[in-house]
Amino acid sequence: MSTPWSSIACFAAAALVGAIGQFLYKSGADRATGGWTSYLLNVRLLGGVACYIAVMVLFVAAFKRGGSLAVLYPIYSSTFIWAAGISWWVYSQPLKPLNIAGMLCLVLGMYLMGR
């Protein structure tokens, strides 16, 4: 069974939205003061939760269209690449050669899993 491009697109979008959710969790945690209201009323943390709900909706939409788990889930692993890029852009965290090598391994793995 071939995996439809629409399913692949849903998982690629889920990867980006998931990385944004990770950023929102990090930035929300940085702003939280420790009290329960600082977590429950934290707009960034709530945005992170919304991102992960969107990820699940994209997963369901992709699965409804069909496709192989062996093709789709490796695409979602690109979330780690997106998160590293957001971290570099927002927090100026350096991307070291070892980080780049790991990202290349992820991309190669996604390619090999999709074949």
C-alpha atoms as a PDB file:
ATOM      1  CA  MET A   1       0.000   0.000   0.000  1.00  0.00           C
ATOM      2  CA  SER A   2       1.354   3.382  -0.997  1.00  0.00           C
ATOM      3  CA  THR A   3       1.307   6.267   1.451  1.00  0.00           C
ATOM      4  CA  PRO A   4      -0.669   9.242   0.106  1.00  0.00           C
ATOM      5  CA  TRP A   5       1.104  12.580  -0.144  1.00  0.00           C
ATOM      6  CA  SER A   6      -1.705  14.153   1.898  1.00  0.00           C
ATOM      7  CA  SER A   7      -0.842  11.828   4.816  1.00  0.00           C
ATOM      8  CA  ILE A   8       2.829  12.721   4.499  1.00  0.00           C
ATOM      9  CA  ALA A   9       1.929  16.424   4.464  1.00  0.00           C
ATOM     10  CA  CYS A  10      -0.187  15.995   7.624  1.00  0.00           C
ATOM     11  CA  PHE A  11       2.736  14.349   9.425  1.00  0.00           C
ATOM     12  CA  ALA A  12       5.193  17.002   8.208  1.00  0.00           C
ATOM     13  CA  ALA A  13       2.841  19.713   9.487  1.00  0.00           C
ATOM     14  CA  ALA A  14       2.459  17.802  12.766  1.00  0.00           C
ATOM     15  CA  ALA A  15       6.249  17.767  13.127  1.00  0.00           C
ATOM     16  CA  LEU A  16       6.454  21.553  12.789  1.00  0.00           C
ATOM     17  CA  VAL A  17       3.465  22.149  15.080  1.00  0.00           C
ATOM     18  CA  GLY A  18       4.969  19.730  17.626  1.00  0.00           C
ATOM     19  CA  ALA A  19       8.242  21.677  17.616  1.00  0.00           C
ATOM     20  CA  ILE A  20       6.337  24.924  18.154  1.00  0.00           C
ATOM     21  CA  GLY A  21       4.562  23.207  21.053  1.00  0.00           C
ATOM     22  CA  GLN A  22       7.940  22.289  22.565  1.00  0.00           C
ATOM     23  CA  PHE A  23       9.066  25.916  22.260  1.00  0.00           C
ATOM     24  CA  LEU A  24       5.859  27.116  23.917  1.00  0.00           C
ATOM     25  CA  TYR A  25       6.327  24.628  26.781  1.00  0.00           C
ATOM     26  CA  LYS A  26       9.914  25.854  27.292  1.00  0.00           C
ATOM     27  CA  SER A  27       9.062  29.541  27.138  1.00  0.00           C
ATOM     28  CA  GLY A  28       5.974  29.002  29.301  1.00  0.00           C
ATOM     29  CA  ALA A  29       8.015  27.136  31.908  1.00  0.00           C
ATOM     30  CA  ASP A  30      10.527  29.992  31.933  1.00  0.00           C
ATOM     31  CA  ARG A  31       7.697  32.409  32.794  1.00  0.00           C
ATOM     32  CA  ALA A  32       5.978  30.209  35.399  1.00  0.00           C
ATOM     33  CA  THR A  33       6.520  31.193  39.005  1.00  0.00           C
ATOM     34  CA  GLY A  34       5.867  27.786  40.539  1.00  0.00           C
ATOM     35  CA  GLY A  35       2.332  28.222  41.790  1.00  0.00           C
ATOM     36  CA  TRP A  36      -0.388  26.130  40.188  1.00  0.00           C
ATOM     37  CA  THR A  37      -2.075  29.212  38.713  1.00  0.00           C
ATOM     38  CA  SER A  38       1.159  30.161  36.971  1.00  0.00           C
ATOM     39  CA  TYR A  39       0.852  26.866  35.087  1.00  0.00           C
ATOM     40  CA  LEU A  40      -2.898  26.756  34.503  1.00  0.00           C
ATOM     41  CA  LEU A  41      -3.215  30.386  33.405  1.00  0.00           C
ATOM     42  CA  ASN A  42       0.029  30.504  31.429  1.00  0.00           C
ATOM     43  CA  VAL A  43      -0.859  31.428  27.841  1.00  0.00           C
ATOM     44  CA  ARG A  44       2.315  29.864  26.441  1.00  0.00           C
ATOM     45  CA  LEU A  45       1.778  26.569  28.238  1.00  0.00           C
ATOM     46  CA  LEU A  46      -1.827  26.526  27.033  1.00  0.00           C
ATOM     47  CA  GLY A  47      -0.544  27.240  23.522  1.00  0.00           C
ATOM     48  CA  GLY A  48       1.771  24.230  23.847  1.00  0.00           C
ATOM     49  CA  VAL A  49      -1.169  22.058  24.868  1.00  0.00           C
ATOM     50  CA  ALA A  50      -3.141  23.373  21.874  1.00  0.00           C
ATOM     51  CA  CYS A  51      -0.231  22.495  19.593  1.00  0.00           C
ATOM     52  CA  TYR A  52      -0.175  18.921  20.853  1.00  0.00           C
ATOM     53  CA  ILE A  53      -3.923  18.631  20.378  1.00  0.00           C
ATOM     54  CA  ALA A  54      -3.395  19.866  16.807  1.00  0.00           C
ATOM     55  CA  VAL A  55      -0.680  17.230  16.347  1.00  0.00           C
ATOM     56  CA  MET A  56      -3.111  14.491  17.358  1.00  0.00           C
ATOM     57  CA  VAL A  57      -5.763  15.871  14.978  1.00  0.00           C
ATOM     58  CA  LEU A  58      -3.198  15.858  12.147  1.00  0.00           C
ATOM     59  CA  PHE A  59      -2.249  12.277  13.028  1.00  0.00           C
ATOM     60  CA  VAL A  60      -5.875  11.145  12.847  1.00  0.00           C
ATOM     61  CA  ALA A  61      -6.397  13.004   9.556  1.00  0.00           C
ATOM     62  CA  ALA A  62      -3.300  11.335   8.104  1.00  0.00           C
ATOM     63  CA  PHE A  63      -4.309   7.874   9.274  1.00  0.00           C
ATOM     64  CA  LYS A  64      -7.806   8.367   7.863  1.00  0.00           C
ATOM     65  CA  ARG A  65      -6.251   9.011   4.432  1.00  0.00           C
ATOM     66  CA  GLY A  66      -4.170   5.848   4.735  1.00  0.00           C
ATOM     67  CA  GLY A  67      -0.509   5.071   4.626  1.00  0.00           C
ATOM     68  CA  SER A  68       2.200   3.108   6.280  1.00  0.00           C
ATOM     69  CA  LEU A  69       3.281   3.754   9.859  1.00  0.00           C
ATOM     70  CA  ALA A  70       6.829   2.911   8.767  1.00  0.00           C
ATOM     71  CA  VAL A  71       6.675   5.889   6.379  1.00  0.00           C
ATOM     72  CA  LEU A  72       4.719   8.353   8.520  1.00  0.00           C
ATOM     73  CA  TYR A  73       6.326   8.117  11.962  1.00  0.00           C
ATOM     74  CA  PRO A  74       9.894   8.724  10.743  1.00  0.00           C
ATOM     75  CA  ILE A  75       8.626  11.976   9.201  1.00  0.00           C
ATOM     76  CA  TYR A  76       7.433  13.043  12.640  1.00  0.00           C
ATOM     77  CA  SER A  77      10.971  12.560  13.967  1.00  0.00           C
ATOM     78  CA  SER A  78      11.851  15.742  12.083  1.00  0.00           C
ATOM     79  CA  THR A  79      10.242  17.483  15.075  1.00  0.00           C
ATOM     80  CA  PHE A  80      13.679  17.343  16.703  1.00  0.00           C
ATOM     81  CA  ILE A  81      15.228  19.160  13.742  1.00  0.00           C
ATOM     82  CA  TRP A  82      12.532  21.851  13.830  1.00  0.00           C
ATOM     83  CA  ALA A  83      12.970  22.228  17.612  1.00  0.00           C
ATOM     84  CA  ALA A  84      16.736  22.667  17.219  1.00  0.00           C
ATOM     85  CA  GLY A  85      16.142  25.290  14.541  1.00  0.00           C
ATOM     86  CA  ILE A  86      13.678  27.189  16.727  1.00  0.00           C
ATOM     87  CA  SER A  87      16.107  26.998  19.645  1.00  0.00           C
ATOM     88  CA  TRP A  88      18.900  28.383  17.446  1.00  0.00           C
ATOM     89  CA  TRP A  89      16.667  31.161  16.121  1.00  0.00           C
ATOM     90  CA  VAL A  90      14.951  32.214  19.373  1.00  0.00           C
ATOM     91  CA  TYR A  91      17.549  31.404  22.044  1.00  0.00           C
ATOM     92  CA  SER A  92      20.721  31.686  19.918  1.00  0.00           C
ATOM     93  CA  GLN A  93      21.745  28.200  20.991  1.00  0.00           C
ATOM     94  CA  PRO A  94      24.560  27.037  18.737  1.00  0.00           C
ATOM     95  CA  LEU A  95      24.149  24.084  16.431  1.00  0.00           C
ATOM     96  CA  LYS A  96      27.341  22.096  16.820  1.00  0.00           C
ATOM     97  CA  PRO A  97      28.742  19.776  14.146  1.00  0.00           C
ATOM     98  CA  LEU A  98      27.603  16.787  16.218  1.00  0.00           C
ATOM     99  CA  ASN A  99      24.052  18.214  16.261  1.00  0.00           C
ATOM    100  CA  ILE A 100      24.128  18.639  12.495  1.00  0.00           C
ATOM    101  CA  ALA A 101      25.439  15.066  12.110  1.00  0.00           C
ATOM    102  CA  GLY A 102      22.541  13.807  14.245  1.00  0.00           C
ATOM    103  CA  MET A 103      20.058  15.722  12.105  1.00  0.00           C
ATOM    104  CA  LEU A 104      21.561  14.237   8.957  1.00  0.00           C
ATOM    105  CA  CYS A 105      21.192  10.779  10.522  1.00  0.00           C
ATOM    106  CA  LEU A 106      17.511  11.534  11.195  1.00  0.00           C
ATOM    107  CA  VAL A 107      16.976  12.607   7.594  1.00  0.00           C
ATOM    108  CA  LEU A 108      18.793   9.541   6.290  1.00  0.00           C
ATOM    109  CA  GLY A 109      16.735   7.338   8.597  1.00  0.00           C
ATOM    110  CA  MET A 110      13.508   8.959   7.398  1.00  0.00           C
ATOM    111  CA  TYR A 111      14.567   8.312   3.813  1.00  0.00           C
ATOM    112  CA  LEU A 112      15.502   4.697   4.461  1.00  0.00           C
ATOM    113  CA  MET A 113      12.325   3.977   6.432  1.00  0.00           C
ATOM    114  CA  GLY A 114      10.238   5.418   3.607  1.00  0.00           C
ATOM    115  CA  ARG A 115      11.771   3.123   0.971  1.00  0.00           C
END
